N, C-alpha and C. Protein backbone atom coordinates (compact mmCIF):
# COMPACT_ATOMS: atom_id res chain seq x y z
N MET A 1 -20.36 -18.67 -12.64
CA MET A 1 -20.37 -17.52 -11.74
C MET A 1 -19.03 -16.81 -11.79
N ASP A 2 -19.06 -15.47 -11.72
CA ASP A 2 -17.85 -14.65 -11.78
C ASP A 2 -17.31 -14.42 -10.38
N TYR A 3 -16.06 -14.82 -10.15
CA TYR A 3 -15.47 -14.68 -8.82
C TYR A 3 -14.33 -13.66 -8.78
N THR A 4 -14.04 -12.98 -9.90
CA THR A 4 -12.88 -12.10 -9.92
C THR A 4 -13.21 -10.62 -10.16
N THR A 5 -14.36 -10.32 -10.74
CA THR A 5 -14.71 -8.92 -11.01
C THR A 5 -14.84 -8.13 -9.72
N ILE A 6 -14.30 -6.92 -9.71
CA ILE A 6 -14.33 -6.08 -8.51
C ILE A 6 -15.76 -5.73 -8.14
N ASN A 7 -16.07 -5.88 -6.86
CA ASN A 7 -17.35 -5.45 -6.30
C ASN A 7 -17.12 -4.06 -5.71
N TRP A 8 -17.47 -3.04 -6.47
CA TRP A 8 -17.06 -1.68 -6.10
C TRP A 8 -17.67 -1.21 -4.80
N LYS A 9 -18.86 -1.63 -4.49
CA LYS A 9 -19.49 -1.20 -3.24
C LYS A 9 -18.81 -1.80 -2.02
N ARG A 10 -18.00 -2.84 -2.24
CA ARG A 10 -17.29 -3.50 -1.14
C ARG A 10 -15.78 -3.49 -1.39
N SER A 11 -15.29 -2.40 -1.97
CA SER A 11 -13.89 -2.32 -2.34
C SER A 11 -13.11 -1.37 -1.44
N ALA A 12 -11.79 -1.54 -1.43
CA ALA A 12 -10.88 -0.67 -0.69
C ALA A 12 -9.60 -0.51 -1.51
N LEU A 13 -8.93 0.60 -1.29
CA LEU A 13 -7.64 0.86 -1.91
C LEU A 13 -6.54 0.63 -0.87
N VAL A 14 -5.59 -0.24 -1.18
CA VAL A 14 -4.48 -0.54 -0.29
C VAL A 14 -3.21 0.04 -0.90
N ILE A 15 -2.59 0.98 -0.20
CA ILE A 15 -1.39 1.68 -0.68
C ILE A 15 -0.20 1.20 0.14
N ILE A 16 0.85 0.80 -0.55
CA ILE A 16 1.98 0.15 0.12
C ILE A 16 3.25 0.99 0.04
N ASP A 17 3.84 1.24 1.21
CA ASP A 17 5.20 1.80 1.34
C ASP A 17 5.42 3.13 0.65
N MET A 18 4.42 3.97 0.61
CA MET A 18 4.61 5.30 0.02
C MET A 18 5.13 6.25 1.10
N GLN A 19 6.40 6.05 1.44
CA GLN A 19 7.08 6.78 2.51
C GLN A 19 8.26 7.55 1.93
N HIS A 20 8.67 8.60 2.61
CA HIS A 20 9.70 9.48 2.08
C HIS A 20 10.97 8.74 1.65
N ASP A 21 11.44 7.81 2.47
CA ASP A 21 12.70 7.14 2.15
C ASP A 21 12.64 6.34 0.86
N PHE A 22 11.46 5.90 0.47
CA PHE A 22 11.31 5.11 -0.76
C PHE A 22 10.85 5.96 -1.94
N VAL A 23 10.16 7.06 -1.66
CA VAL A 23 9.53 7.86 -2.72
C VAL A 23 10.38 9.06 -3.13
N SER A 24 10.83 9.84 -2.16
CA SER A 24 11.53 11.09 -2.44
C SER A 24 12.90 10.84 -3.05
N LEU A 25 13.30 11.72 -3.95
CA LEU A 25 14.61 11.59 -4.57
C LEU A 25 15.73 11.73 -3.55
N GLN A 26 15.44 12.39 -2.42
CA GLN A 26 16.41 12.54 -1.35
C GLN A 26 16.31 11.44 -0.31
N GLY A 27 15.45 10.47 -0.53
CA GLY A 27 15.24 9.40 0.43
C GLY A 27 16.43 8.48 0.57
N ALA A 28 16.50 7.80 1.69
CA ALA A 28 17.64 6.92 1.98
C ALA A 28 17.67 5.70 1.06
N ALA A 29 16.51 5.29 0.58
CA ALA A 29 16.44 4.08 -0.27
C ALA A 29 15.46 4.32 -1.42
N THR A 30 15.68 5.42 -2.14
CA THR A 30 14.76 5.82 -3.21
C THR A 30 14.58 4.70 -4.24
N ILE A 31 13.32 4.42 -4.54
CA ILE A 31 12.99 3.44 -5.58
C ILE A 31 12.69 4.20 -6.87
N GLU A 32 13.49 3.97 -7.88
CA GLU A 32 13.35 4.70 -9.13
C GLU A 32 11.92 4.61 -9.66
N GLY A 33 11.40 5.76 -10.05
CA GLY A 33 10.07 5.82 -10.66
C GLY A 33 8.93 5.93 -9.68
N THR A 34 9.21 5.88 -8.38
CA THR A 34 8.10 5.92 -7.41
C THR A 34 7.54 7.33 -7.25
N GLU A 35 8.40 8.33 -7.25
CA GLU A 35 7.89 9.70 -7.17
C GLU A 35 7.00 10.03 -8.35
N ALA A 36 7.30 9.43 -9.49
CA ALA A 36 6.55 9.71 -10.72
C ALA A 36 5.10 9.22 -10.66
N ILE A 37 4.80 8.23 -9.81
CA ILE A 37 3.42 7.72 -9.74
C ILE A 37 2.53 8.56 -8.84
N LEU A 38 3.13 9.49 -8.10
CA LEU A 38 2.36 10.25 -7.12
C LEU A 38 1.15 10.97 -7.71
N PRO A 39 1.27 11.74 -8.79
CA PRO A 39 0.10 12.46 -9.30
C PRO A 39 -1.08 11.54 -9.61
N GLU A 40 -0.81 10.43 -10.26
CA GLU A 40 -1.91 9.50 -10.62
C GLU A 40 -2.47 8.83 -9.37
N LEU A 41 -1.60 8.50 -8.42
CA LEU A 41 -2.06 7.86 -7.19
C LEU A 41 -2.88 8.82 -6.34
N ILE A 42 -2.49 10.07 -6.28
CA ILE A 42 -3.27 11.07 -5.53
C ILE A 42 -4.68 11.18 -6.11
N ARG A 43 -4.79 11.19 -7.43
CA ARG A 43 -6.12 11.26 -8.06
C ARG A 43 -6.95 10.03 -7.72
N LEU A 44 -6.30 8.87 -7.69
CA LEU A 44 -7.02 7.64 -7.35
C LEU A 44 -7.49 7.66 -5.90
N VAL A 45 -6.63 8.13 -5.01
CA VAL A 45 -7.01 8.26 -3.59
C VAL A 45 -8.20 9.19 -3.45
N ASP A 46 -8.15 10.32 -4.12
CA ASP A 46 -9.26 11.28 -4.04
C ASP A 46 -10.56 10.66 -4.55
N CYS A 47 -10.44 9.84 -5.57
CA CYS A 47 -11.61 9.17 -6.14
C CYS A 47 -12.23 8.24 -5.10
N PHE A 48 -11.42 7.43 -4.43
CA PHE A 48 -11.94 6.52 -3.42
C PHE A 48 -12.56 7.29 -2.25
N ARG A 49 -11.88 8.33 -1.80
CA ARG A 49 -12.42 9.09 -0.66
C ARG A 49 -13.73 9.78 -1.02
N SER A 50 -13.82 10.31 -2.22
CA SER A 50 -15.05 11.01 -2.61
C SER A 50 -16.23 10.06 -2.66
N TYR A 51 -15.95 8.77 -2.85
CA TYR A 51 -17.01 7.77 -2.89
C TYR A 51 -17.23 7.13 -1.52
N GLY A 52 -16.43 7.55 -0.53
CA GLY A 52 -16.58 7.02 0.83
C GLY A 52 -16.01 5.63 1.02
N LEU A 53 -15.08 5.22 0.15
CA LEU A 53 -14.49 3.90 0.23
C LEU A 53 -13.18 3.94 1.02
N PRO A 54 -12.84 2.86 1.71
CA PRO A 54 -11.64 2.85 2.57
C PRO A 54 -10.34 2.99 1.77
N VAL A 55 -9.42 3.76 2.35
CA VAL A 55 -8.05 3.87 1.85
C VAL A 55 -7.14 3.40 2.97
N ILE A 56 -6.35 2.37 2.69
CA ILE A 56 -5.54 1.74 3.73
C ILE A 56 -4.06 1.88 3.37
N HIS A 57 -3.30 2.52 4.26
CA HIS A 57 -1.88 2.76 4.05
C HIS A 57 -1.10 1.72 4.85
N VAL A 58 -0.34 0.91 4.15
CA VAL A 58 0.46 -0.13 4.80
C VAL A 58 1.93 0.24 4.64
N ILE A 59 2.65 0.37 5.75
CA ILE A 59 4.01 0.89 5.67
C ILE A 59 5.03 0.00 6.37
N ARG A 60 6.28 0.22 6.04
CA ARG A 60 7.40 -0.48 6.65
C ARG A 60 8.05 0.43 7.69
N LEU A 61 8.42 -0.11 8.81
CA LEU A 61 9.13 0.64 9.84
C LEU A 61 10.29 -0.22 10.35
N TYR A 62 11.42 0.41 10.56
CA TYR A 62 12.58 -0.31 11.08
C TYR A 62 13.08 0.33 12.37
N GLN A 63 13.34 -0.51 13.37
CA GLN A 63 14.02 -0.05 14.56
C GLN A 63 15.47 0.27 14.20
N ALA A 64 16.03 1.27 14.87
CA ALA A 64 17.38 1.71 14.54
C ALA A 64 18.43 0.62 14.69
N ASP A 65 18.17 -0.36 15.58
CA ASP A 65 19.13 -1.43 15.81
C ASP A 65 18.94 -2.63 14.88
N GLY A 66 17.95 -2.53 13.99
CA GLY A 66 17.71 -3.60 13.03
C GLY A 66 17.00 -4.81 13.59
N SER A 67 16.53 -4.72 14.82
CA SER A 67 15.96 -5.90 15.49
C SER A 67 14.70 -6.42 14.83
N ASN A 68 13.97 -5.59 14.09
CA ASN A 68 12.75 -6.05 13.43
C ASN A 68 12.92 -6.13 11.91
N ALA A 69 14.15 -6.08 11.45
CA ALA A 69 14.42 -6.06 10.01
C ALA A 69 14.45 -7.47 9.43
N ASP A 70 14.13 -7.57 8.15
CA ASP A 70 14.27 -8.82 7.43
C ASP A 70 15.76 -9.08 7.20
N ASN A 71 16.11 -10.33 6.97
CA ASN A 71 17.51 -10.72 6.91
C ASN A 71 18.30 -9.97 5.85
N CYS A 72 17.67 -9.65 4.72
CA CYS A 72 18.40 -9.01 3.63
C CYS A 72 18.80 -7.57 3.96
N ARG A 73 18.21 -6.97 4.99
CA ARG A 73 18.54 -5.60 5.37
C ARG A 73 19.12 -5.48 6.77
N ARG A 74 19.01 -6.52 7.55
CA ARG A 74 19.37 -6.41 8.97
C ARG A 74 20.82 -6.01 9.19
N GLY A 75 21.72 -6.67 8.48
CA GLY A 75 23.13 -6.37 8.68
C GLY A 75 23.47 -4.93 8.36
N ARG A 76 22.90 -4.42 7.30
CA ARG A 76 23.18 -3.04 6.90
C ARG A 76 22.64 -2.06 7.93
N ILE A 77 21.44 -2.33 8.45
CA ILE A 77 20.86 -1.45 9.46
C ILE A 77 21.65 -1.53 10.76
N GLU A 78 22.07 -2.74 11.12
CA GLU A 78 22.90 -2.89 12.32
C GLU A 78 24.20 -2.10 12.20
N SER A 79 24.66 -1.91 10.97
CA SER A 79 25.90 -1.17 10.73
C SER A 79 25.70 0.35 10.73
N GLY A 80 24.43 0.78 10.90
CA GLY A 80 24.17 2.21 11.02
C GLY A 80 23.35 2.84 9.90
N PHE A 81 22.99 2.06 8.87
CA PHE A 81 22.18 2.61 7.79
C PHE A 81 20.77 2.88 8.29
N LYS A 82 20.25 4.06 8.01
CA LYS A 82 18.91 4.45 8.46
C LYS A 82 17.95 4.39 7.28
N ILE A 83 16.94 3.53 7.40
CA ILE A 83 15.92 3.40 6.36
C ILE A 83 14.56 3.23 7.03
N ALA A 84 13.62 4.10 6.66
CA ALA A 84 12.27 4.06 7.25
C ALA A 84 12.36 3.85 8.76
N CYS A 85 13.28 4.55 9.37
CA CYS A 85 13.53 4.40 10.81
C CYS A 85 12.40 5.04 11.60
N THR A 86 11.92 4.36 12.63
CA THR A 86 10.79 4.86 13.41
C THR A 86 11.02 6.28 13.88
N ASN A 87 9.95 7.06 13.80
CA ASN A 87 9.93 8.44 14.29
C ASN A 87 10.92 9.35 13.57
N THR A 88 11.17 9.05 12.29
CA THR A 88 11.96 9.94 11.45
C THR A 88 11.14 10.31 10.23
N GLU A 89 11.51 11.42 9.60
CA GLU A 89 10.79 11.87 8.42
C GLU A 89 10.84 10.84 7.30
N GLY A 90 11.95 10.11 7.23
CA GLY A 90 12.08 9.11 6.17
C GLY A 90 11.00 8.04 6.22
N ALA A 91 10.47 7.77 7.41
CA ALA A 91 9.43 6.74 7.56
C ALA A 91 8.03 7.30 7.38
N TYR A 92 7.90 8.62 7.28
CA TYR A 92 6.57 9.23 7.18
C TYR A 92 5.93 8.95 5.83
N ILE A 93 4.62 8.79 5.86
CA ILE A 93 3.84 8.66 4.63
C ILE A 93 3.84 9.99 3.90
N ILE A 94 3.91 9.95 2.58
CA ILE A 94 3.87 11.18 1.79
C ILE A 94 2.59 11.94 2.16
N PRO A 95 2.69 13.16 2.68
CA PRO A 95 1.51 13.88 3.20
C PRO A 95 0.38 14.05 2.20
N SER A 96 0.69 14.21 0.92
CA SER A 96 -0.36 14.45 -0.08
C SER A 96 -1.25 13.23 -0.28
N LEU A 97 -0.86 12.08 0.29
CA LEU A 97 -1.70 10.89 0.20
C LEU A 97 -2.61 10.73 1.40
N LEU A 98 -2.40 11.56 2.42
CA LEU A 98 -3.20 11.47 3.64
C LEU A 98 -4.38 12.43 3.59
N PRO A 99 -5.41 12.19 4.39
CA PRO A 99 -6.54 13.13 4.43
C PRO A 99 -6.08 14.52 4.84
N GLU A 100 -6.73 15.52 4.32
CA GLU A 100 -6.36 16.90 4.62
C GLU A 100 -6.41 17.15 6.13
N GLY A 101 -5.34 17.73 6.66
CA GLY A 101 -5.28 18.07 8.07
C GLY A 101 -4.91 16.94 9.00
N SER A 102 -4.65 15.74 8.46
CA SER A 102 -4.34 14.60 9.32
C SER A 102 -2.87 14.61 9.71
N GLN A 103 -2.55 13.88 10.77
CA GLN A 103 -1.19 13.76 11.27
C GLN A 103 -0.59 12.42 10.85
N GLN A 104 0.73 12.35 10.91
CA GLN A 104 1.40 11.07 10.70
C GLN A 104 1.01 10.12 11.83
N PRO A 105 0.89 8.83 11.54
CA PRO A 105 0.47 7.88 12.58
C PRO A 105 1.54 7.72 13.65
N ASP A 106 1.10 7.34 14.84
CA ASP A 106 1.99 7.05 15.96
C ASP A 106 2.71 5.73 15.67
N HIS A 107 4.01 5.80 15.49
CA HIS A 107 4.76 4.59 15.12
C HIS A 107 4.75 3.54 16.23
N LYS A 108 4.71 3.98 17.46
CA LYS A 108 4.66 3.01 18.56
C LYS A 108 3.39 2.18 18.48
N LYS A 109 2.28 2.82 18.18
CA LYS A 109 1.01 2.10 18.05
C LYS A 109 1.05 1.14 16.88
N LEU A 110 1.62 1.61 15.75
CA LEU A 110 1.69 0.74 14.58
C LEU A 110 2.55 -0.49 14.85
N LEU A 111 3.70 -0.29 15.49
CA LEU A 111 4.59 -1.40 15.77
C LEU A 111 3.97 -2.42 16.72
N SER A 112 3.03 -1.96 17.53
CA SER A 112 2.35 -2.88 18.46
C SER A 112 1.25 -3.68 17.76
N GLY A 113 1.02 -3.38 16.49
CA GLY A 113 0.01 -4.10 15.73
C GLY A 113 -1.32 -3.39 15.62
N GLN A 114 -1.43 -2.20 16.19
CA GLN A 114 -2.68 -1.47 16.13
C GLN A 114 -2.91 -0.88 14.74
N VAL A 115 -4.17 -0.74 14.38
CA VAL A 115 -4.58 -0.01 13.19
C VAL A 115 -4.91 1.41 13.62
N VAL A 116 -4.29 2.39 12.98
CA VAL A 116 -4.53 3.79 13.30
C VAL A 116 -5.44 4.38 12.23
N SER A 117 -6.54 4.96 12.65
CA SER A 117 -7.49 5.55 11.70
C SER A 117 -7.23 7.05 11.56
N SER A 118 -7.62 7.58 10.40
CA SER A 118 -7.43 9.00 10.12
C SER A 118 -8.51 9.47 9.17
N GLY A 119 -9.07 10.63 9.42
CA GLY A 119 -10.15 11.11 8.57
C GLY A 119 -11.36 10.21 8.66
N LYS A 120 -12.19 10.24 7.63
CA LYS A 120 -13.44 9.47 7.65
C LYS A 120 -13.24 8.01 7.28
N SER A 121 -12.26 7.72 6.43
CA SER A 121 -12.17 6.34 5.94
C SER A 121 -10.74 5.90 5.61
N ASP A 122 -9.75 6.54 6.25
CA ASP A 122 -8.36 6.13 6.05
C ASP A 122 -7.86 5.36 7.25
N TYR A 123 -7.02 4.36 6.98
CA TYR A 123 -6.45 3.52 8.03
C TYR A 123 -4.97 3.29 7.72
N MET A 124 -4.17 3.12 8.77
CA MET A 124 -2.73 2.91 8.60
C MET A 124 -2.30 1.73 9.46
N LEU A 125 -1.41 0.92 8.90
CA LEU A 125 -0.87 -0.20 9.66
C LEU A 125 0.54 -0.53 9.20
N TYR A 126 1.25 -1.22 10.06
CA TYR A 126 2.65 -1.58 9.84
C TYR A 126 2.75 -3.04 9.42
N LYS A 127 3.60 -3.29 8.42
CA LYS A 127 3.89 -4.66 8.02
C LYS A 127 5.37 -4.96 8.28
N PRO A 128 5.68 -6.11 8.85
CA PRO A 128 7.07 -6.42 9.17
C PRO A 128 7.87 -7.02 8.02
N ARG A 129 7.20 -7.42 6.94
CA ARG A 129 7.90 -8.04 5.82
C ARG A 129 7.29 -7.54 4.51
N TRP A 130 7.58 -8.22 3.40
CA TRP A 130 7.13 -7.74 2.10
C TRP A 130 5.61 -7.65 2.01
N GLY A 131 4.92 -8.69 2.38
CA GLY A 131 3.49 -8.77 2.16
C GLY A 131 2.67 -7.98 3.16
N ALA A 132 1.61 -7.35 2.66
CA ALA A 132 0.75 -6.53 3.51
C ALA A 132 -0.10 -7.35 4.48
N PHE A 133 -0.21 -8.66 4.22
CA PHE A 133 -1.03 -9.52 5.08
C PHE A 133 -0.20 -10.27 6.12
N TYR A 134 1.11 -10.32 5.94
CA TYR A 134 1.96 -11.14 6.80
C TYR A 134 2.07 -10.53 8.20
N LYS A 135 1.51 -11.23 9.19
CA LYS A 135 1.54 -10.81 10.59
C LYS A 135 1.02 -9.39 10.78
N THR A 136 -0.05 -9.06 10.04
CA THR A 136 -0.70 -7.75 10.20
C THR A 136 -2.20 -7.97 10.45
N ALA A 137 -2.88 -6.87 10.75
CA ALA A 137 -4.32 -6.91 10.99
C ALA A 137 -5.12 -6.60 9.73
N LEU A 138 -4.45 -6.63 8.56
CA LEU A 138 -5.13 -6.21 7.33
C LEU A 138 -6.34 -7.08 7.01
N HIS A 139 -6.20 -8.40 7.07
CA HIS A 139 -7.31 -9.28 6.72
C HIS A 139 -8.49 -9.04 7.66
N GLU A 140 -8.20 -8.91 8.94
CA GLU A 140 -9.26 -8.64 9.92
C GLU A 140 -9.92 -7.30 9.66
N LEU A 141 -9.12 -6.28 9.37
CA LEU A 141 -9.67 -4.95 9.09
C LEU A 141 -10.58 -4.98 7.87
N LEU A 142 -10.16 -5.63 6.81
CA LEU A 142 -11.00 -5.71 5.61
C LEU A 142 -12.31 -6.42 5.91
N GLY A 143 -12.26 -7.44 6.76
CA GLY A 143 -13.49 -8.12 7.15
C GLY A 143 -14.42 -7.19 7.92
N GLN A 144 -13.86 -6.41 8.83
CA GLN A 144 -14.66 -5.47 9.61
C GLN A 144 -15.30 -4.41 8.72
N LEU A 145 -14.62 -4.06 7.64
CA LEU A 145 -15.13 -3.06 6.71
C LEU A 145 -16.02 -3.65 5.63
N ASN A 146 -16.25 -4.97 5.70
CA ASN A 146 -17.08 -5.67 4.73
C ASN A 146 -16.53 -5.55 3.31
N VAL A 147 -15.21 -5.61 3.20
CA VAL A 147 -14.53 -5.49 1.91
C VAL A 147 -14.21 -6.88 1.37
N ASP A 148 -14.56 -7.10 0.10
CA ASP A 148 -14.16 -8.35 -0.55
C ASP A 148 -13.34 -8.11 -1.80
N SER A 149 -13.10 -6.82 -2.13
CA SER A 149 -12.37 -6.45 -3.34
C SER A 149 -11.35 -5.38 -3.00
N ILE A 150 -10.10 -5.56 -3.44
CA ILE A 150 -9.08 -4.55 -3.13
C ILE A 150 -8.31 -4.17 -4.39
N LEU A 151 -7.98 -2.89 -4.45
CA LEU A 151 -7.04 -2.39 -5.44
C LEU A 151 -5.73 -2.13 -4.70
N ILE A 152 -4.63 -2.58 -5.27
CA ILE A 152 -3.33 -2.43 -4.63
C ILE A 152 -2.47 -1.47 -5.44
N ALA A 153 -1.82 -0.53 -4.73
CA ALA A 153 -0.98 0.47 -5.38
C ALA A 153 0.25 0.73 -4.50
N GLY A 154 1.21 1.45 -5.05
CA GLY A 154 2.34 1.87 -4.23
C GLY A 154 3.69 1.41 -4.76
N CYS A 155 4.60 1.15 -3.84
CA CYS A 155 6.00 0.91 -4.10
C CYS A 155 6.42 -0.49 -3.61
N ASN A 156 7.13 -1.25 -4.32
CA ASN A 156 7.43 -1.19 -5.74
C ASN A 156 7.18 -2.60 -6.24
N PHE A 157 6.59 -2.74 -7.43
CA PHE A 157 5.94 -3.99 -7.82
C PHE A 157 6.71 -5.28 -7.56
N PRO A 158 7.99 -5.40 -7.93
CA PRO A 158 8.65 -6.71 -7.77
C PRO A 158 8.68 -7.22 -6.33
N ASN A 159 8.56 -6.33 -5.37
CA ASN A 159 8.67 -6.74 -3.97
C ASN A 159 7.32 -6.73 -3.26
N CYS A 160 6.99 -5.61 -2.61
CA CYS A 160 5.83 -5.60 -1.70
C CYS A 160 4.46 -5.66 -2.39
N PRO A 161 4.19 -4.86 -3.41
CA PRO A 161 2.88 -5.00 -4.06
C PRO A 161 2.65 -6.39 -4.66
N ARG A 162 3.66 -6.93 -5.31
CA ARG A 162 3.50 -8.25 -5.92
C ARG A 162 3.22 -9.31 -4.85
N THR A 163 4.00 -9.29 -3.77
CA THR A 163 3.77 -10.24 -2.69
C THR A 163 2.38 -10.08 -2.11
N SER A 164 1.95 -8.84 -1.91
CA SER A 164 0.64 -8.57 -1.32
C SER A 164 -0.49 -9.02 -2.23
N ILE A 165 -0.30 -8.88 -3.53
CA ILE A 165 -1.31 -9.33 -4.48
C ILE A 165 -1.50 -10.84 -4.38
N TYR A 166 -0.41 -11.57 -4.31
CA TYR A 166 -0.52 -13.02 -4.20
C TYR A 166 -1.12 -13.43 -2.85
N GLU A 167 -0.78 -12.71 -1.80
CA GLU A 167 -1.40 -12.99 -0.50
C GLU A 167 -2.90 -12.74 -0.55
N ALA A 168 -3.30 -11.67 -1.22
CA ALA A 168 -4.73 -11.37 -1.35
C ALA A 168 -5.44 -12.45 -2.16
N SER A 169 -4.77 -12.93 -3.21
CA SER A 169 -5.34 -14.00 -4.02
C SER A 169 -5.52 -15.27 -3.20
N GLU A 170 -4.55 -15.58 -2.36
CA GLU A 170 -4.64 -16.76 -1.49
C GLU A 170 -5.81 -16.66 -0.52
N ARG A 171 -6.24 -15.44 -0.23
CA ARG A 171 -7.34 -15.22 0.69
C ARG A 171 -8.66 -14.96 -0.03
N ASP A 172 -8.67 -15.20 -1.33
CA ASP A 172 -9.87 -15.12 -2.17
C ASP A 172 -10.47 -13.73 -2.26
N PHE A 173 -9.64 -12.71 -2.19
CA PHE A 173 -10.13 -11.36 -2.48
C PHE A 173 -10.19 -11.16 -3.99
N ARG A 174 -11.12 -10.33 -4.42
CA ARG A 174 -11.15 -9.86 -5.80
C ARG A 174 -10.12 -8.73 -5.87
N ILE A 175 -9.27 -8.72 -6.88
CA ILE A 175 -8.10 -7.86 -6.86
C ILE A 175 -8.02 -7.04 -8.14
N GLY A 176 -7.56 -5.81 -8.00
CA GLY A 176 -7.31 -4.96 -9.15
C GLY A 176 -6.09 -4.09 -8.94
N ILE A 177 -5.53 -3.61 -10.02
CA ILE A 177 -4.49 -2.59 -9.98
C ILE A 177 -4.85 -1.52 -11.00
N VAL A 178 -4.25 -0.36 -10.83
CA VAL A 178 -4.48 0.75 -11.75
C VAL A 178 -3.15 1.14 -12.37
N LYS A 179 -3.08 1.15 -13.67
CA LYS A 179 -1.84 1.50 -14.36
C LYS A 179 -1.36 2.88 -13.91
N GLY A 180 -0.07 2.98 -13.70
CA GLY A 180 0.52 4.25 -13.31
C GLY A 180 0.49 4.53 -11.83
N THR A 181 0.01 3.56 -11.02
CA THR A 181 -0.03 3.77 -9.57
C THR A 181 0.81 2.75 -8.80
N ILE A 182 1.58 1.94 -9.52
CA ILE A 182 2.53 1.02 -8.89
C ILE A 182 3.88 1.22 -9.57
N SER A 183 4.90 1.56 -8.81
CA SER A 183 6.22 1.71 -9.40
C SER A 183 6.84 0.35 -9.67
N GLY A 184 7.77 0.32 -10.60
CA GLY A 184 8.49 -0.91 -10.91
C GLY A 184 7.70 -1.94 -11.70
N MET A 185 6.58 -1.54 -12.28
CA MET A 185 5.78 -2.48 -13.05
C MET A 185 6.45 -2.79 -14.39
N TYR A 186 6.24 -4.01 -14.89
CA TYR A 186 6.80 -4.42 -16.17
C TYR A 186 5.79 -5.31 -16.88
N ASP A 187 5.95 -5.45 -18.19
CA ASP A 187 4.95 -6.13 -19.02
C ASP A 187 4.71 -7.58 -18.57
N ARG A 188 5.77 -8.30 -18.28
CA ARG A 188 5.59 -9.68 -17.86
C ARG A 188 4.79 -9.75 -16.57
N GLY A 189 5.02 -8.79 -15.67
CA GLY A 189 4.25 -8.73 -14.42
C GLY A 189 2.77 -8.55 -14.68
N LEU A 190 2.43 -7.67 -15.63
CA LEU A 190 1.02 -7.47 -15.98
C LEU A 190 0.41 -8.76 -16.50
N ASN A 191 1.15 -9.47 -17.32
CA ASN A 191 0.65 -10.75 -17.85
C ASN A 191 0.44 -11.77 -16.73
N GLU A 192 1.39 -11.83 -15.81
CA GLU A 192 1.27 -12.75 -14.69
C GLU A 192 0.03 -12.44 -13.85
N LEU A 193 -0.22 -11.17 -13.62
CA LEU A 193 -1.38 -10.78 -12.82
C LEU A 193 -2.68 -11.14 -13.53
N THR A 194 -2.72 -10.89 -14.82
CA THR A 194 -3.91 -11.25 -15.59
C THR A 194 -4.20 -12.74 -15.49
N ASN A 195 -3.14 -13.54 -15.48
CA ASN A 195 -3.30 -14.99 -15.42
C ASN A 195 -3.83 -15.49 -14.09
N ILE A 196 -3.73 -14.69 -13.02
CA ILE A 196 -4.31 -15.11 -11.73
C ILE A 196 -5.58 -14.32 -11.40
N GLY A 197 -6.16 -13.70 -12.42
CA GLY A 197 -7.47 -13.07 -12.24
C GLY A 197 -7.46 -11.66 -11.73
N VAL A 198 -6.31 -10.99 -11.77
CA VAL A 198 -6.24 -9.60 -11.33
C VAL A 198 -6.77 -8.69 -12.44
N ASN A 199 -7.65 -7.77 -12.06
CA ASN A 199 -8.20 -6.80 -13.00
C ASN A 199 -7.24 -5.63 -13.16
N ILE A 200 -6.99 -5.21 -14.39
CA ILE A 200 -6.06 -4.12 -14.66
C ILE A 200 -6.82 -2.97 -15.30
N TYR A 201 -6.75 -1.81 -14.64
CA TYR A 201 -7.54 -0.65 -15.05
C TYR A 201 -6.65 0.56 -15.30
N THR A 202 -7.25 1.56 -15.95
CA THR A 202 -6.72 2.91 -15.91
C THR A 202 -7.54 3.69 -14.89
N ARG A 203 -7.00 4.81 -14.43
CA ARG A 203 -7.75 5.60 -13.45
C ARG A 203 -9.07 6.09 -14.04
N GLU A 204 -9.06 6.46 -15.32
CA GLU A 204 -10.27 6.92 -15.96
C GLU A 204 -11.35 5.84 -15.95
N GLU A 205 -10.94 4.60 -16.12
CA GLU A 205 -11.90 3.49 -16.07
C GLU A 205 -12.46 3.34 -14.67
N ILE A 206 -11.62 3.51 -13.65
CA ILE A 206 -12.08 3.44 -12.27
C ILE A 206 -13.12 4.51 -11.99
N GLU A 207 -12.84 5.72 -12.41
CA GLU A 207 -13.78 6.82 -12.19
C GLU A 207 -15.11 6.53 -12.87
N ALA A 208 -15.06 6.00 -14.06
CA ALA A 208 -16.30 5.69 -14.78
C ALA A 208 -17.08 4.59 -14.06
N LEU A 209 -16.38 3.60 -13.53
CA LEU A 209 -17.04 2.49 -12.84
C LEU A 209 -17.63 2.93 -11.50
N LEU A 210 -16.88 3.75 -10.77
CA LEU A 210 -17.34 4.17 -9.46
C LEU A 210 -18.50 5.15 -9.53
N PHE A 211 -18.45 6.02 -10.51
CA PHE A 211 -19.44 7.09 -10.56
C PHE A 211 -20.54 6.87 -11.60
N SER A 212 -20.59 5.66 -12.14
CA SER A 212 -21.64 5.36 -13.13
C SER A 212 -22.98 5.16 -12.43
């Protein structure tokens, strides 16, 4: 029996940390190559929405005093560095990835652990650490949506997407990625993902699979 192939009718796209501070060249903590994935990621988002499949935006938010920061960033934030700071433009999701006419999510609600919905099938939630499943409502949300297969995209592979992929694997989700929609990807990483049963696609392959 096949336990790894994506079940497209029960799939969702999970986008990680596509926020101004990480994506924009003027961002406080720009991740090289992340702005470059936007065109391909926007096309992938449009593909999922046109098929009525969930798009889930998982983002990082930091209190200005660093009280909710991970240890590797806390000292710097306590010293006054602003990164994905709540209620600032730097923490906002890139608008072109959101449904047309939608607003940025309420950061207070996200920090409280709530899932904020937008449009017909978009959802937003806050993660306090690298992984999208760590102390978040993501697993519960996917269950409510009857999702057993996820595609993961966003910023930036060595940290948050990679951690989230392994968390998803630990929870027995069927997993995929699409080339050109995760920044910081490298050949060894692709090999590692293949070895744990992650499906690797191009966007054109996704479109053919979804609309066949």
